[in-house]
Amino acid sequence: ALSSQHKILKNQHEDVKKQLLDLQLQHNS
């Protein structure tokens, strides 16, 4: 789901970058 969301939000670069970082932290956790 996160990967799909990343592809959908690819055009919104700044928001995706922040969200990706949060999701990576959550994933690592």
PDB file of all heavy atoms in Angstrom:
ATOM      1  N   ALA A   1       0.828  -1.207   0.000  1.00  0.00           N
ATOM      2  CA  ALA A   1       0.000   0.000   0.000  1.00  0.00           C
ATOM      3  C   ALA A   1       0.859   1.253   0.000  1.00  0.00           C
ATOM      4  O   ALA A   1       0.570   2.234  -0.708  1.00  0.00           O
ATOM      5  CB  ALA A   1      -0.928  -0.008   1.213  1.00  0.00           C
ATOM      6  N   LEU A   2       1.940   1.219   0.755  1.00  0.00           N
ATOM      7  CA  LEU A   2       2.836   2.372   0.815  1.00  0.00           C
ATOM      8  C   LEU A   2       3.525   2.600  -0.538  1.00  0.00           C
ATOM      9  O   LEU A   2       3.718   3.747  -0.964  1.00  0.00           O
ATOM     10  CB  LEU A   2       3.874   2.188   1.924  1.00  0.00           C
ATOM     11  CG  LEU A   2       3.328   2.218   3.354  1.00  0.00           C
ATOM     12  CD1 LEU A   2       4.459   1.917   4.342  1.00  0.00           C
ATOM     13  CD2 LEU A   2       2.688   3.550   3.665  1.00  0.00           C
ATOM     14  N   SER A   3       3.899   1.520  -1.185  1.00  0.00           N
ATOM     15  CA  SER A   3       4.532   1.650  -2.500  1.00  0.00           C
ATOM     16  C   SER A   3       3.558   2.257  -3.516  1.00  0.00           C
ATOM     17  O   SER A   3       3.932   3.137  -4.317  1.00  0.00           O
ATOM     18  CB  SER A   3       5.014   0.285  -2.998  1.00  0.00           C
ATOM     19  OG  SER A   3       6.037  -0.194  -2.187  1.00  0.00           O
ATOM     20  N   SER A   4       2.302   1.774  -3.485  1.00  0.00           N
ATOM     21  CA  SER A   4       1.280   2.339  -4.385  1.00  0.00           C
ATOM     22  C   SER A   4       1.071   3.818  -4.094  1.00  0.00           C
ATOM     23  O   SER A   4       0.978   4.644  -5.023  1.00  0.00           O
ATOM     24  CB  SER A   4      -0.045   1.592  -4.216  1.00  0.00           C
ATOM     25  OG  SER A   4       0.106   0.252  -4.583  1.00  0.00           O
ATOM     26  N   GLN A   5       0.989   4.125  -2.832  1.00  0.00           N
ATOM     27  CA  GLN A   5       0.788   5.527  -2.448  1.00  0.00           C
ATOM     28  C   GLN A   5       1.976   6.377  -2.907  1.00  0.00           C
ATOM     29  O   GLN A   5       1.798   7.518  -3.357  1.00  0.00           O
ATOM     30  CB  GLN A   5       0.606   5.610  -0.925  1.00  0.00           C
ATOM     31  CG  GLN A   5       0.194   6.970  -0.426  1.00  0.00           C
ATOM     32  CD  GLN A   5      -0.030   6.963   1.082  1.00  0.00           C
ATOM     33  OE1 GLN A   5       0.295   5.998   1.763  1.00  0.00           O
ATOM     34  NE2 GLN A   5      -0.580   8.048   1.580  1.00  0.00           N
ATOM     35  N   HIS A   6       3.165   5.830  -2.838  1.00  0.00           N
ATOM     36  CA  HIS A   6       4.367   6.561  -3.273  1.00  0.00           C
ATOM     37  C   HIS A   6       4.288   6.873  -4.766  1.00  0.00           C
ATOM     38  O   HIS A   6       4.615   8.004  -5.195  1.00  0.00           O
ATOM     39  CB  HIS A   6       5.620   5.748  -2.949  1.00  0.00           C
ATOM     40  CG  HIS A   6       6.878   6.337  -3.488  1.00  0.00           C
ATOM     41  ND1 HIS A   6       7.430   7.501  -3.004  1.00  0.00           N
ATOM     42  CD2 HIS A   6       7.689   5.938  -4.498  1.00  0.00           C
ATOM     43  CE1 HIS A   6       8.524   7.790  -3.672  1.00  0.00           C
ATOM     44  NE2 HIS A   6       8.704   6.847  -4.594  1.00  0.00           N
ATOM     45  N   LYS A   7       3.832   5.900  -5.568  1.00  0.00           N
ATOM     46  CA  LYS A   7       3.718   6.116  -7.013  1.00  0.00           C
ATOM     47  C   LYS A   7       2.641   7.162  -7.327  1.00  0.00           C
ATOM     48  O   LYS A   7       2.825   8.005  -8.223  1.00  0.00           O
ATOM     49  CB  LYS A   7       3.405   4.800  -7.714  1.00  0.00           C
ATOM     50  CG  LYS A   7       4.587   3.857  -7.746  1.00  0.00           C
ATOM     51  CD  LYS A   7       4.233   2.523  -8.362  1.00  0.00           C
ATOM     52  CE  LYS A   7       5.409   1.577  -8.256  1.00  0.00           C
ATOM     53  NZ  LYS A   7       5.085   0.247  -8.760  1.00  0.00           N
ATOM     54  N   ILE A   8       1.526   7.092  -6.603  1.00  0.00           N
ATOM     55  CA  ILE A   8       0.428   8.035  -6.824  1.00  0.00           C
ATOM     56  C   ILE A   8       0.856   9.451  -6.458  1.00  0.00           C
ATOM     57  O   ILE A   8       0.551  10.427  -7.162  1.00  0.00           O
ATOM     58  CB  ILE A   8      -0.813   7.600  -6.021  1.00  0.00           C
ATOM     59  CG1 ILE A   8      -1.381   6.306  -6.598  1.00  0.00           C
ATOM     60  CG2 ILE A   8      -1.887   8.692  -6.028  1.00  0.00           C
ATOM     61  CD1 ILE A   8      -2.451   5.675  -5.733  1.00  0.00           C
ATOM     62  N   LEU A   9       1.593   9.604  -5.402  1.00  0.00           N
ATOM     63  CA  LEU A   9       1.971  10.931  -4.888  1.00  0.00           C
ATOM     64  C   LEU A   9       3.344  11.392  -5.406  1.00  0.00           C
ATOM     65  O   LEU A   9       3.940  12.313  -4.832  1.00  0.00           O
ATOM     66  CB  LEU A   9       1.977  10.893  -3.359  1.00  0.00           C
ATOM     67  CG  LEU A   9       0.639  10.579  -2.677  1.00  0.00           C
ATOM     68  CD1 LEU A   9       0.822  10.477  -1.173  1.00  0.00           C
ATOM     69  CD2 LEU A   9      -0.408  11.627  -3.028  1.00  0.00           C
ATOM     70  N   LYS A  10       3.843  10.714  -6.428  1.00  0.00           N
ATOM     71  CA  LYS A  10       5.176  11.024  -6.933  1.00  0.00           C
ATOM     72  C   LYS A  10       5.281  12.483  -7.394  1.00  0.00           C
ATOM     73  O   LYS A  10       6.357  13.092  -7.250  1.00  0.00           O
ATOM     74  CB  LYS A  10       5.518  10.062  -8.077  1.00  0.00           C
ATOM     75  CG  LYS A  10       6.961  10.094  -8.516  1.00  0.00           C
ATOM     76  CD  LYS A  10       7.225   8.969  -9.484  1.00  0.00           C
ATOM     77  CE  LYS A  10       8.708   8.930  -9.813  1.00  0.00           C
ATOM     78  NZ  LYS A  10       9.017   7.836 -10.725  1.00  0.00           N
ATOM     79  N   ASN A  11       4.193  13.035  -7.974  1.00  0.00           N
ATOM     80  CA  ASN A  11       4.215  14.405  -8.477  1.00  0.00           C
ATOM     81  C   ASN A  11       4.297  15.428  -7.346  1.00  0.00           C
ATOM     82  O   ASN A  11       4.772  16.540  -7.548  1.00  0.00           O
ATOM     83  CB  ASN A  11       2.995  14.680  -9.359  1.00  0.00           C
ATOM     84  CG  ASN A  11       3.037  13.843 -10.625  1.00  0.00           C
ATOM     85  OD1 ASN A  11       4.117  13.485 -11.094  1.00  0.00           O
ATOM     86  ND2 ASN A  11       1.868  13.538 -11.177  1.00  0.00           N
ATOM     87  N   GLN A  12       3.838  15.062  -6.197  1.00  0.00           N
ATOM     88  CA  GLN A  12       3.892  15.996  -5.048  1.00  0.00           C
ATOM     89  C   GLN A  12       5.176  15.682  -4.286  1.00  0.00           C
ATOM     90  O   GLN A  12       5.161  15.070  -3.224  1.00  0.00           O
ATOM     91  CB  GLN A  12       2.652  15.831  -4.178  1.00  0.00           C
ATOM     92  CG  GLN A  12       1.362  16.090  -4.930  1.00  0.00           C
ATOM     93  CD  GLN A  12       0.147  15.705  -4.097  1.00  0.00           C
ATOM     94  OE1 GLN A  12       0.268  15.159  -3.019  1.00  0.00           O
ATOM     95  NE2 GLN A  12      -1.025  16.029  -4.628  1.00  0.00           N
ATOM     96  N   HIS A  13       6.304  16.121  -4.827  1.00  0.00           N
ATOM     97  CA  HIS A  13       7.619  15.700  -4.379  1.00  0.00           C
ATOM     98  C   HIS A  13       7.909  16.008  -2.907  1.00  0.00           C
ATOM     99  O   HIS A  13       8.394  15.148  -2.169  1.00  0.00           O
ATOM    100  CB  HIS A  13       8.686  16.342  -5.279  1.00  0.00           C
ATOM    101  CG  HIS A  13      10.063  15.931  -4.935  1.00  0.00           C
ATOM    102  ND1 HIS A  13      10.526  14.651  -5.111  1.00  0.00           N
ATOM    103  CD2 HIS A  13      11.107  16.634  -4.407  1.00  0.00           C
ATOM    104  CE1 HIS A  13      11.767  14.566  -4.719  1.00  0.00           C
ATOM    105  NE2 HIS A  13      12.158  15.767  -4.287  1.00  0.00           N
ATOM    106  N   GLU A  14       7.646  17.238  -2.472  1.00  0.00           N
ATOM    107  CA  GLU A  14       7.999  17.611  -1.110  1.00  0.00           C
ATOM    108  C   GLU A  14       7.181  16.839  -0.067  1.00  0.00           C
ATOM    109  O   GLU A  14       7.738  16.368   0.929  1.00  0.00           O
ATOM    110  CB  GLU A  14       7.812  19.125  -0.919  1.00  0.00           C
ATOM    111  CG  GLU A  14       8.789  19.978  -1.695  1.00  0.00           C
ATOM    112  CD  GLU A  14      10.235  19.666  -1.338  1.00  0.00           C
ATOM    113  OE1 GLU A  14      10.541  19.491  -0.131  1.00  0.00           O
ATOM    114  OE2 GLU A  14      11.057  19.579  -2.254  1.00  0.00           O
ATOM    115  N   ASP A  15       5.879  16.691  -0.329  1.00  0.00           N
ATOM    116  CA  ASP A  15       5.028  15.939   0.606  1.00  0.00           C
ATOM    117  C   ASP A  15       5.416  14.460   0.627  1.00  0.00           C
ATOM    118  O   ASP A  15       5.452  13.826   1.679  1.00  0.00           O
ATOM    119  CB  ASP A  15       3.559  16.081   0.226  1.00  0.00           C
ATOM    120  CG  ASP A  15       3.036  17.497   0.421  1.00  0.00           C
ATOM    121  OD1 ASP A  15       3.635  18.236   1.235  1.00  0.00           O
ATOM    122  OD2 ASP A  15       2.023  17.835  -0.215  1.00  0.00           O
ATOM    123  N   VAL A  16       5.709  13.955  -0.569  1.00  0.00           N
ATOM    124  CA  VAL A  16       6.075  12.528  -0.659  1.00  0.00           C
ATOM    125  C   VAL A  16       7.386  12.266   0.063  1.00  0.00           C
ATOM    126  O   VAL A  16       7.548  11.238   0.745  1.00  0.00           O
ATOM    127  CB  VAL A  16       6.166  12.091  -2.141  1.00  0.00           C
ATOM    128  CG1 VAL A  16       6.796  10.718  -2.250  1.00  0.00           C
ATOM    129  CG2 VAL A  16       4.788  12.065  -2.757  1.00  0.00           C
ATOM    130  N   LYS A  17       8.328  13.202  -0.070  1.00  0.00           N
ATOM    131  CA  LYS A  17       9.632  13.026   0.564  1.00  0.00           C
ATOM    132  C   LYS A  17       9.481  12.907   2.086  1.00  0.00           C
ATOM    133  O   LYS A  17      10.044  12.000   2.708  1.00  0.00           O
ATOM    134  CB  LYS A  17      10.517  14.217   0.202  1.00  0.00           C
ATOM    135  CG  LYS A  17      11.984  13.971   0.320  1.00  0.00           C
ATOM    136  CD  LYS A  17      12.730  15.173  -0.241  1.00  0.00           C
ATOM    137  CE  LYS A  17      14.200  14.917  -0.271  1.00  0.00           C
ATOM    138  NZ  LYS A  17      14.950  16.066  -0.776  1.00  0.00           N
ATOM    139  N   LYS A  18       8.669  13.810   2.664  1.00  0.00           N
ATOM    140  CA  LYS A  18       8.431  13.772   4.126  1.00  0.00           C
ATOM    141  C   LYS A  18       7.680  12.495   4.522  1.00  0.00           C
ATOM    142  O   LYS A  18       8.022  11.833   5.504  1.00  0.00           O
ATOM    143  CB  LYS A  18       7.638  15.015   4.534  1.00  0.00           C
ATOM    144  CG  LYS A  18       7.425  15.145   6.031  1.00  0.00           C
ATOM    145  CD  LYS A  18       6.669  16.419   6.342  1.00  0.00           C
ATOM    146  CE  LYS A  18       6.464  16.581   7.819  1.00  0.00           C
ATOM    147  NZ  LYS A  18       5.432  15.725   8.347  1.00  0.00           N
ATOM    148  N   GLN A  19       6.648  12.208   3.744  1.00  0.00           N
ATOM    149  CA  GLN A  19       5.851  10.998   4.049  1.00  0.00           C
ATOM    150  C   GLN A  19       6.694   9.730   3.907  1.00  0.00           C
ATOM    151  O   GLN A  19       6.578   8.810   4.707  1.00  0.00           O
ATOM    152  CB  GLN A  19       4.644  10.937   3.105  1.00  0.00           C
ATOM    153  CG  GLN A  19       3.626   9.888   3.489  1.00  0.00           C
ATOM    154  CD  GLN A  19       2.417   9.931   2.564  1.00  0.00           C
ATOM    155  OE1 GLN A  19       2.435  10.545   1.519  1.00  0.00           O
ATOM    156  NE2 GLN A  19       1.362   9.271   2.997  1.00  0.00           N
ATOM    157  N   LEU A  20       7.556   9.708   2.893  1.00  0.00           N
ATOM    158  CA  LEU A  20       8.425   8.537   2.698  1.00  0.00           C
ATOM    159  C   LEU A  20       9.340   8.326   3.892  1.00  0.00           C
ATOM    160  O   LEU A  20       9.540   7.198   4.365  1.00  0.00           O
ATOM    161  CB  LEU A  20       9.244   8.697   1.412  1.00  0.00           C
ATOM    162  CG  LEU A  20      10.220   7.562   1.116  1.00  0.00           C
ATOM    163  CD1 LEU A  20       9.461   6.249   0.941  1.00  0.00           C
ATOM    164  CD2 LEU A  20      11.042   7.894  -0.119  1.00  0.00           C
ATOM    165  N   LEU A  21       9.899   9.429   4.386  1.00  0.00           N
ATOM    166  CA  LEU A  21      10.773   9.334   5.555  1.00  0.00           C
ATOM    167  C   LEU A  21      10.006   8.764   6.754  1.00  0.00           C
ATOM    168  O   LEU A  21      10.495   7.854   7.446  1.00  0.00           O
ATOM    169  CB  LEU A  21      11.357  10.708   5.886  1.00  0.00           C
ATOM    170  CG  LEU A  21      12.346  10.760   7.062  1.00  0.00           C
ATOM    171  CD1 LEU A  21      13.548   9.882   6.774  1.00  0.00           C
ATOM    172  CD2 LEU A  21      12.778  12.201   7.316  1.00  0.00           C
ATOM    173  N   ASP A  22       8.793   9.289   6.982  1.00  0.00           N
ATOM    174  CA  ASP A  22       7.959   8.779   8.086  1.00  0.00           C
ATOM    175  C   ASP A  22       7.654   7.285   7.900  1.00  0.00           C
ATOM    176  O   ASP A  22       7.698   6.496   8.860  1.00  0.00           O
ATOM    177  CB  ASP A  22       6.659   9.567   8.189  1.00  0.00           C
ATOM    178  CG  ASP A  22       6.876  10.999   8.658  1.00  0.00           C
ATOM    179  OD1 ASP A  22       7.943  11.275   9.255  1.00  0.00           O
ATOM    180  OD2 ASP A  22       5.974  11.830   8.440  1.00  0.00           O
ATOM    181  N   LEU A  23       7.316   6.939   6.664  1.00  0.00           N
ATOM    182  CA  LEU A  23       6.983   5.531   6.410  1.00  0.00           C
ATOM    183  C   LEU A  23       8.190   4.617   6.561  1.00  0.00           C
ATOM    184  O   LEU A  23       8.068   3.483   7.035  1.00  0.00           O
ATOM    185  CB  LEU A  23       6.384   5.383   5.002  1.00  0.00           C
ATOM    186  CG  LEU A  23       4.991   5.989   4.820  1.00  0.00           C
ATOM    187  CD1 LEU A  23       4.561   5.900   3.364  1.00  0.00           C
ATOM    188  CD2 LEU A  23       3.980   5.288   5.724  1.00  0.00           C
ATOM    189  N   GLN A  24       9.360   5.119   6.190  1.00  0.00           N
ATOM    190  CA  GLN A  24      10.564   4.310   6.381  1.00  0.00           C
ATOM    191  C   GLN A  24      10.846   4.091   7.868  1.00  0.00           C
ATOM    192  O   GLN A  24      11.214   2.996   8.285  1.00  0.00           O
ATOM    193  CB  GLN A  24      11.765   4.978   5.710  1.00  0.00           C
ATOM    194  CG  GLN A  24      11.770   4.832   4.205  1.00  0.00           C
ATOM    195  CD  GLN A  24      12.912   5.596   3.552  1.00  0.00           C
ATOM    196  OE1 GLN A  24      13.468   6.533   4.143  1.00  0.00           O
ATOM    197  NE2 GLN A  24      13.233   5.219   2.323  1.00  0.00           N
ATOM    198  N   LEU A  25      10.653   5.135   8.641  1.00  0.00           N
ATOM    199  CA  LEU A  25      10.834   4.988  10.096  1.00  0.00           C
ATOM    200  C   LEU A  25       9.826   3.979  10.664  1.00  0.00           C
ATOM    201  O   LEU A  25      10.166   3.121  11.486  1.00  0.00           O
ATOM    202  CB  LEU A  25      10.685   6.337  10.791  1.00  0.00           C
ATOM    203  CG  LEU A  25      11.816   7.347  10.559  1.00  0.00           C
ATOM    204  CD1 LEU A  25      11.462   8.706  11.181  1.00  0.00           C
ATOM    205  CD2 LEU A  25      13.125   6.812  11.121  1.00  0.00           C
ATOM    206  N   GLN A  26       8.581   4.107  10.207  1.00  0.00           N
ATOM    207  CA  GLN A  26       7.545   3.164  10.676  1.00  0.00           C
ATOM    208  C   GLN A  26       7.888   1.738  10.247  1.00  0.00           C
ATOM    209  O   GLN A  26       7.743   0.790  11.019  1.00  0.00           O
ATOM    210  CB  GLN A  26       6.184   3.574  10.115  1.00  0.00           C
ATOM    211  CG  GLN A  26       5.050   2.688  10.598  1.00  0.00           C
ATOM    212  CD  GLN A  26       3.706   3.050   9.962  1.00  0.00           C
ATOM    213  OE1 GLN A  26       3.649   3.923   9.113  1.00  0.00           O
ATOM    214  NE2 GLN A  26       2.661   2.373  10.379  1.00  0.00           N
ATOM    215  N   HIS A  27       8.340   1.620   8.996  1.00  0.00           N
ATOM    216  CA  HIS A  27       8.697   0.292   8.486  1.00  0.00           C
ATOM    217  C   HIS A  27       9.837  -0.313   9.304  1.00  0.00           C
ATOM    218  O   HIS A  27       9.800  -1.497   9.668  1.00  0.00           O
ATOM    219  CB  HIS A  27       9.090   0.387   7.010  1.00  0.00           C
ATOM    220  CG  HIS A  27       9.503  -0.923   6.435  1.00  0.00           C
ATOM    221  ND1 HIS A  27       8.625  -1.957   6.227  1.00  0.00           N
ATOM    222  CD2 HIS A  27      10.717  -1.377   6.034  1.00  0.00           C
ATOM    223  CE1 HIS A  27       9.267  -2.989   5.724  1.00  0.00           C
ATOM    224  NE2 HIS A  27      10.532  -2.667   5.593  1.00  0.00           N
ATOM    225  N   ASN A  28      10.856   0.496   9.593  1.00  0.00           N
ATOM    226  CA  ASN A  28      11.984   0.004  10.397  1.00  0.00           C
ATOM    227  C   ASN A  28      11.534  -0.373  11.799  1.00  0.00           C
ATOM    228  O   ASN A  28      11.993  -1.366  12.372  1.00  0.00           O
ATOM    229  CB  ASN A  28      13.101   1.047  10.454  1.00  0.00           C
ATOM    230  CG  ASN A  28      13.811   1.191   9.125  1.00  0.00           C
ATOM    231  OD1 ASN A  28      13.786   0.270   8.309  1.00  0.00           O
ATOM    232  ND2 ASN A  28      14.432   2.331   8.894  1.00  0.00           N
ATOM    233  N   SER A  29      10.635   0.437  12.344  1.00  0.00           N
ATOM    234  CA  SER A  29      10.106   0.140  13.670  1.00  0.00           C
ATOM    235  C   SER A  29       9.345  -1.191  13.664  1.00  0.00           C
ATOM    236  O   SER A  29       9.509  -2.030  14.560  1.00  0.00           O
ATOM    237  CB  SER A  29       9.184   1.269  14.128  1.00  0.00           C
ATOM    238  OG  SER A  29       8.556   0.933  15.336  1.00  0.00           O
TER     239      SER A  29
END
